[in-house]
Protein backbone atom coordinates (compact mmCIF):
# COMPACT_ATOMS: atom_id res chain seq x y z
CA UNK A 1 127.32 80.50 206.87
CA UNK A 2 124.85 81.66 204.23
CA UNK A 3 126.57 83.15 201.19
CA UNK A 4 123.38 83.78 199.22
CA UNK A 5 123.71 87.48 198.21
CA UNK A 6 119.92 87.77 197.82
CA UNK A 7 119.37 86.88 201.48
CA UNK A 8 122.09 89.31 202.57
CA UNK A 9 120.51 92.01 200.43
CA UNK A 10 117.14 91.29 202.03
CA UNK A 11 118.59 91.68 205.52
CA UNK A 12 120.35 94.89 204.53
CA UNK A 13 117.10 96.30 203.14
CA UNK A 14 115.24 95.38 206.34
CA UNK A 15 117.93 96.94 208.56
CA UNK A 16 117.88 100.11 206.45
CA UNK A 17 114.09 100.31 206.70
CA UNK A 18 114.17 99.75 210.47
CA UNK A 19 116.83 102.43 210.90
CA UNK A 20 114.57 104.82 209.00
CA UNK A 21 111.76 103.96 211.44
CA UNK A 22 114.02 105.02 214.31
CA UNK A 23 114.89 108.25 212.51
CA UNK A 24 111.23 109.11 211.97
CA UNK A 25 110.40 108.42 215.62
CA UNK A 26 113.23 110.79 216.52
CA UNK A 27 111.68 113.46 214.30
CA UNK A 28 108.06 113.04 215.34
CA UNK A 29 108.32 111.84 218.95
CA UNK A 30 105.76 109.09 218.53
CA UNK A 31 103.78 107.64 215.63
CA UNK A 32 101.17 105.00 214.89
CA UNK A 33 101.84 102.06 212.59
CA UNK A 34 99.88 103.65 209.76
CA UNK A 35 101.84 106.90 210.13
CA UNK A 36 105.15 105.08 209.81
CA UNK A 37 103.83 103.08 206.87
CA UNK A 38 102.71 106.29 205.20
CA UNK A 39 106.13 107.94 205.61
CA UNK A 40 107.89 104.81 204.36
CA UNK A 41 105.66 104.51 201.30
CA UNK A 42 106.01 108.12 200.17
CA UNK A 43 107.47 108.71 196.74
CA UNK A 44 109.51 111.75 195.81
CA UNK A 45 107.30 114.16 193.91
CA UNK A 46 108.69 115.56 190.67
CA UNK A 47 107.57 119.01 191.81
CA UNK A 48 105.77 120.26 194.88
CA UNK A 49 102.29 121.75 194.29
CA UNK A 50 102.62 125.42 193.35
CA UNK A 51 99.52 126.46 195.25
CA UNK A 52 100.75 125.04 198.55
CA UNK A 53 100.37 121.78 200.44
CA UNK A 54 97.27 119.70 200.81
CA UNK A 55 96.51 118.70 204.40
CA UNK A 56 95.43 115.23 203.35
CA UNK A 57 97.55 112.32 202.19
CA UNK A 58 96.29 109.08 200.65
CA UNK A 59 96.22 106.23 203.17
CA UNK A 60 99.13 103.78 203.08
CA UNK A 61 98.60 100.52 201.23
CA UNK A 62 97.77 97.45 203.30
CA UNK A 63 101.01 95.83 202.16
CA UNK A 64 102.96 98.80 203.53
CA UNK A 65 101.12 98.54 206.86
CA UNK A 66 101.86 94.80 207.12
CA UNK A 67 105.51 95.42 206.28
CA UNK A 68 105.71 98.13 208.95
CA UNK A 69 104.08 95.85 211.50
CA UNK A 70 106.88 93.32 210.91
CA UNK A 71 109.56 96.01 211.26
CA UNK A 72 108.02 97.28 214.51
CA UNK A 73 107.81 93.76 215.92
CA UNK A 74 111.52 93.30 215.22
CA UNK A 75 112.42 96.65 216.75
CA UNK A 76 110.31 95.91 219.81
CA UNK A 77 112.02 92.51 220.23
CA UNK A 78 115.37 94.31 220.07
CA UNK A 79 114.11 96.83 222.65
CA UNK A 80 114.79 99.72 220.29
CA UNK A 81 111.22 101.07 220.49
CA UNK A 82 108.58 101.46 223.16
CA UNK A 83 104.85 101.09 222.63
CA UNK A 84 101.76 102.08 224.55
CA UNK A 85 98.02 102.46 224.04
CA UNK A 86 96.80 105.95 223.20
CA UNK A 87 93.55 107.44 224.57
CA UNK A 88 91.58 106.29 221.51
CA UNK A 89 92.84 102.71 221.73
CA UNK A 90 95.48 102.95 219.01
CA UNK A 91 99.05 101.79 219.62
CA UNK A 92 101.78 104.38 219.35
CA UNK A 93 105.55 103.87 219.21
CA UNK A 94 108.51 105.93 220.40
CA UNK A 95 112.27 105.55 220.71
CA UNK A 96 113.56 103.64 223.71
CA UNK A 97 116.82 104.67 225.35
CA UNK A 98 118.48 101.84 223.48
CA UNK A 99 117.00 103.08 220.21
CA UNK A 100 118.26 106.60 220.92
CA UNK A 101 121.75 105.21 221.56
CA UNK A 102 121.60 103.33 218.25
CA UNK A 103 120.92 106.60 216.43
CA UNK A 104 123.65 108.36 218.39
CA UNK A 105 126.07 105.77 217.01
CA UNK A 106 125.01 106.91 213.52
CA UNK A 107 125.60 110.56 214.37
CA UNK A 108 121.95 111.47 215.06
CA UNK A 109 121.52 113.35 218.38
CA UNK A 110 118.37 111.46 219.34
CA UNK A 111 116.68 111.14 222.71
CA UNK A 112 114.20 108.63 224.06
CA UNK A 113 110.51 109.35 223.64
CA UNK A 114 109.46 107.60 226.83
CA UNK A 115 108.54 110.84 228.62
CA UNK A 116 106.11 111.72 225.83
CA UNK A 117 104.26 108.46 226.40
CA UNK A 118 103.53 109.18 230.05
CA UNK A 119 100.88 111.29 231.70
CA UNK A 120 99.38 112.93 228.63
CA UNK A 121 95.67 113.50 228.15
CA UNK A 122 93.33 112.98 225.23
CA UNK A 123 93.50 116.59 224.03
CA UNK A 124 97.29 116.40 223.70
CA UNK A 125 97.04 113.14 221.79
CA UNK A 126 94.48 114.64 219.39
CA UNK A 127 96.61 117.74 218.84
CA UNK A 128 99.87 115.85 218.22
CA UNK A 129 98.20 113.21 216.07
CA UNK A 130 96.69 115.82 213.74
CA UNK A 131 100.00 117.71 213.56
CA UNK A 132 101.80 114.48 212.67
CA UNK A 133 99.27 113.62 209.97
CA UNK A 134 99.63 117.06 208.38
CA UNK A 135 103.43 116.85 208.45
CA UNK A 136 103.33 113.42 206.82
CA UNK A 137 100.95 114.71 204.14
CA UNK A 138 103.50 117.43 203.37
CA UNK A 139 106.34 114.93 203.15
CA UNK A 140 104.38 112.75 200.76
CA UNK A 141 103.83 115.72 198.46
CA UNK A 142 107.55 116.42 198.28
CA UNK A 143 107.71 119.35 200.72
CA UNK A 144 110.31 119.83 203.44
CA UNK A 145 108.75 119.66 206.90
CA UNK A 146 109.51 120.65 210.48
CA UNK A 147 107.46 118.48 212.82
CA UNK A 148 105.83 119.62 216.04
CA UNK A 149 108.52 117.89 218.09
CA UNK A 150 111.36 119.42 216.06
CA UNK A 151 109.82 122.87 216.48
CA UNK A 152 109.34 122.35 220.23
CA UNK A 153 113.04 121.46 220.45
CA UNK A 154 114.07 124.55 218.49
CA UNK A 155 115.18 122.52 215.47
CA UNK A 156 113.60 124.76 212.81
CA UNK A 157 113.96 128.16 211.14
CA UNK A 158 112.71 130.13 214.17
CA UNK A 159 114.82 128.32 216.76
CA UNK A 160 113.75 128.41 220.40
CA UNK A 161 112.34 131.96 220.24
CA UNK A 162 110.10 131.49 217.22
CA UNK A 163 108.96 134.14 214.72
CA UNK A 164 107.65 137.24 216.51
CA UNK A 165 107.63 135.05 219.60
CA UNK A 166 105.41 132.40 217.97
CA UNK A 167 106.19 128.78 217.22
CA UNK A 168 103.72 127.05 214.88
CA UNK A 169 102.76 123.42 215.25
CA UNK A 170 104.02 122.32 211.82
CA UNK A 171 106.12 124.10 209.21
CA UNK A 172 105.91 123.08 205.55
CA UNK A 173 108.23 124.60 202.99
CA UNK A 174 109.37 124.50 199.41
CA UNK A 175 112.50 126.49 198.67
CA UNK A 176 112.03 129.90 200.31
CA UNK A 177 108.24 129.55 200.55
CA UNK A 178 106.82 128.58 203.95
CA UNK A 179 103.41 127.61 205.29
CA UNK A 180 102.73 127.59 209.03
CA UNK A 181 100.15 125.17 210.39
CA UNK A 182 98.34 125.81 213.66
CA UNK A 183 96.29 123.06 215.31
CA UNK A 184 94.02 125.01 217.61
CA UNK A 185 91.77 124.03 220.48
CA UNK A 186 88.19 125.28 220.34
CA UNK A 187 88.76 127.27 223.54
CA UNK A 188 92.10 129.09 223.62
CA UNK A 189 92.92 130.98 226.77
CA UNK A 190 92.88 134.78 226.49
CA UNK A 191 96.67 135.25 226.71
CA UNK A 192 97.44 132.70 223.97
CA UNK A 193 94.68 134.06 221.75
CA UNK A 194 95.92 137.65 222.03
CA UNK A 195 99.47 136.45 221.36
CA UNK A 196 98.22 134.76 218.20
CA UNK A 197 96.54 137.95 216.98
CA UNK A 198 99.70 139.98 217.66
CA UNK A 199 101.76 137.44 215.70
CA UNK A 200 99.46 137.68 212.68
CA UNK A 201 99.35 141.47 212.80
CA UNK A 202 103.15 141.79 213.14
CA UNK A 203 103.90 139.23 210.45
CA UNK A 204 101.79 140.94 207.78
CA UNK A 205 102.40 144.55 208.78
CA UNK A 206 103.02 146.64 205.65
CA UNK A 207 102.64 143.63 203.32
CA UNK A 208 100.59 144.15 200.16
CA UNK A 209 97.63 141.90 199.41
CA UNK A 210 98.78 138.70 197.74
CA UNK A 211 102.44 139.10 198.73
CA UNK A 212 104.25 136.76 201.08
CA UNK A 213 105.50 138.05 204.43
CA UNK A 214 109.26 138.10 205.03
CA UNK A 215 110.15 136.02 208.08
CA UNK A 216 113.89 135.68 207.47
CA UNK A 217 116.52 136.91 205.04
CA UNK A 218 115.76 134.01 202.72
CA UNK A 219 112.30 132.86 203.87
CA UNK A 220 108.81 134.12 203.15
CA UNK A 221 105.53 133.06 204.73
CA UNK A 222 102.83 132.32 202.19
CA UNK A 223 99.96 131.52 204.52
CA UNK A 224 99.00 130.37 208.01
CA UNK A 225 96.73 127.33 207.99
CA UNK A 226 94.43 126.88 210.99
CA UNK A 227 93.09 123.43 211.77
CA UNK A 228 90.32 124.31 214.16
CA UNK A 229 86.63 124.13 214.97
CA UNK A 230 84.09 126.25 213.05
CA UNK A 231 83.60 128.34 216.19
CA UNK A 232 87.26 129.34 216.40
CA UNK A 233 87.31 130.03 212.65
CA UNK A 234 84.42 132.49 213.05
CA UNK A 235 86.04 134.15 216.06
CA UNK A 236 89.41 134.61 214.32
CA UNK A 237 87.75 135.93 211.18
CA UNK A 238 85.76 138.47 213.16
CA UNK A 239 88.77 139.67 215.17
CA UNK A 240 91.14 139.90 212.18
CA UNK A 241 88.59 141.99 210.30
CA UNK A 242 88.25 144.16 213.41
CA UNK A 243 92.04 144.67 213.33
CA UNK A 244 91.64 146.26 209.92
CA UNK A 245 92.26 143.34 207.58
CA UNK A 246 90.13 143.32 204.46
CA UNK A 247 88.26 140.24 203.26
CA UNK A 248 90.84 139.88 200.46
CA UNK A 249 93.75 140.11 202.91
CA UNK A 250 92.14 137.48 205.12
CA UNK A 251 91.66 135.11 202.18
CA UNK A 252 95.27 135.56 201.02
CA UNK A 253 96.94 135.20 204.42
CA UNK A 254 95.04 132.54 206.38
CA UNK A 255 93.13 129.37 205.62
CA UNK A 256 90.73 127.54 207.92
CA UNK A 257 90.34 123.75 207.85
CA UNK A 258 87.45 122.82 210.14
CA UNK A 259 87.00 119.11 209.37
CA UNK A 260 90.23 117.60 210.74
CA UNK A 261 89.81 118.46 214.43
CA UNK A 262 87.76 115.39 215.19
CA UNK A 263 88.48 112.18 217.10
CA UNK A 264 86.40 110.18 214.65
CA UNK A 265 88.97 110.74 211.90
CA UNK A 266 91.81 109.15 213.88
CA UNK A 267 92.40 105.55 212.87
CA UNK A 268 93.11 102.98 215.57
CA UNK A 269 96.37 101.53 214.23
């Protein structure tokens, strides 16, 4: 029997870190090694940025990636996680049924992610991967975050019904201030697109320029961030102006990020 307290402490630290990996997989559904390393390496910010979240986070350090690779190897050996190859060749990880049961024992109502790793196409992978990266960037800046999977499961402010019938892809918040993030395909079908326009119009009805929109008794929406192609940005701008929004209202209420929706920016690990 080894009574060296330093070795026991080392094992306890490793077990704690591996349990946190399982918790993050429960929150996100699936993640790459670098995503998990980025979440694990985040430091608590003294104060969240006053002008809202940045969509970009610094890459994790190589030492953090190597450490996460060791944790994932251990969890895979214990059959607590599943892994598969994504459409771009990267390896992604999700909770196994055994991993979900391990979290249940800790009081976390987790479920296996195996169904999310089957029969999905490249567009879904791109969409979820970008949403995950944005959520992780928010976490690293000290914001509270609702991930795409949590929102899909109704585990966020808007529940299963959403806000004005709309559920965003990522929610980032600080106190009562909220930012909704939409990861949009270049070609949205007509019904979804019209639903999006109705959501924007209803949310900011009778709201003065520069003010946040009330979305709950204690929550206010600062801005909707669209991660999309330049073509969709131009289309939305044109249609929102046609609805009667001014250029100043558009600038205060929505923001377009047109550089993230690209397979080339997705790392392969």
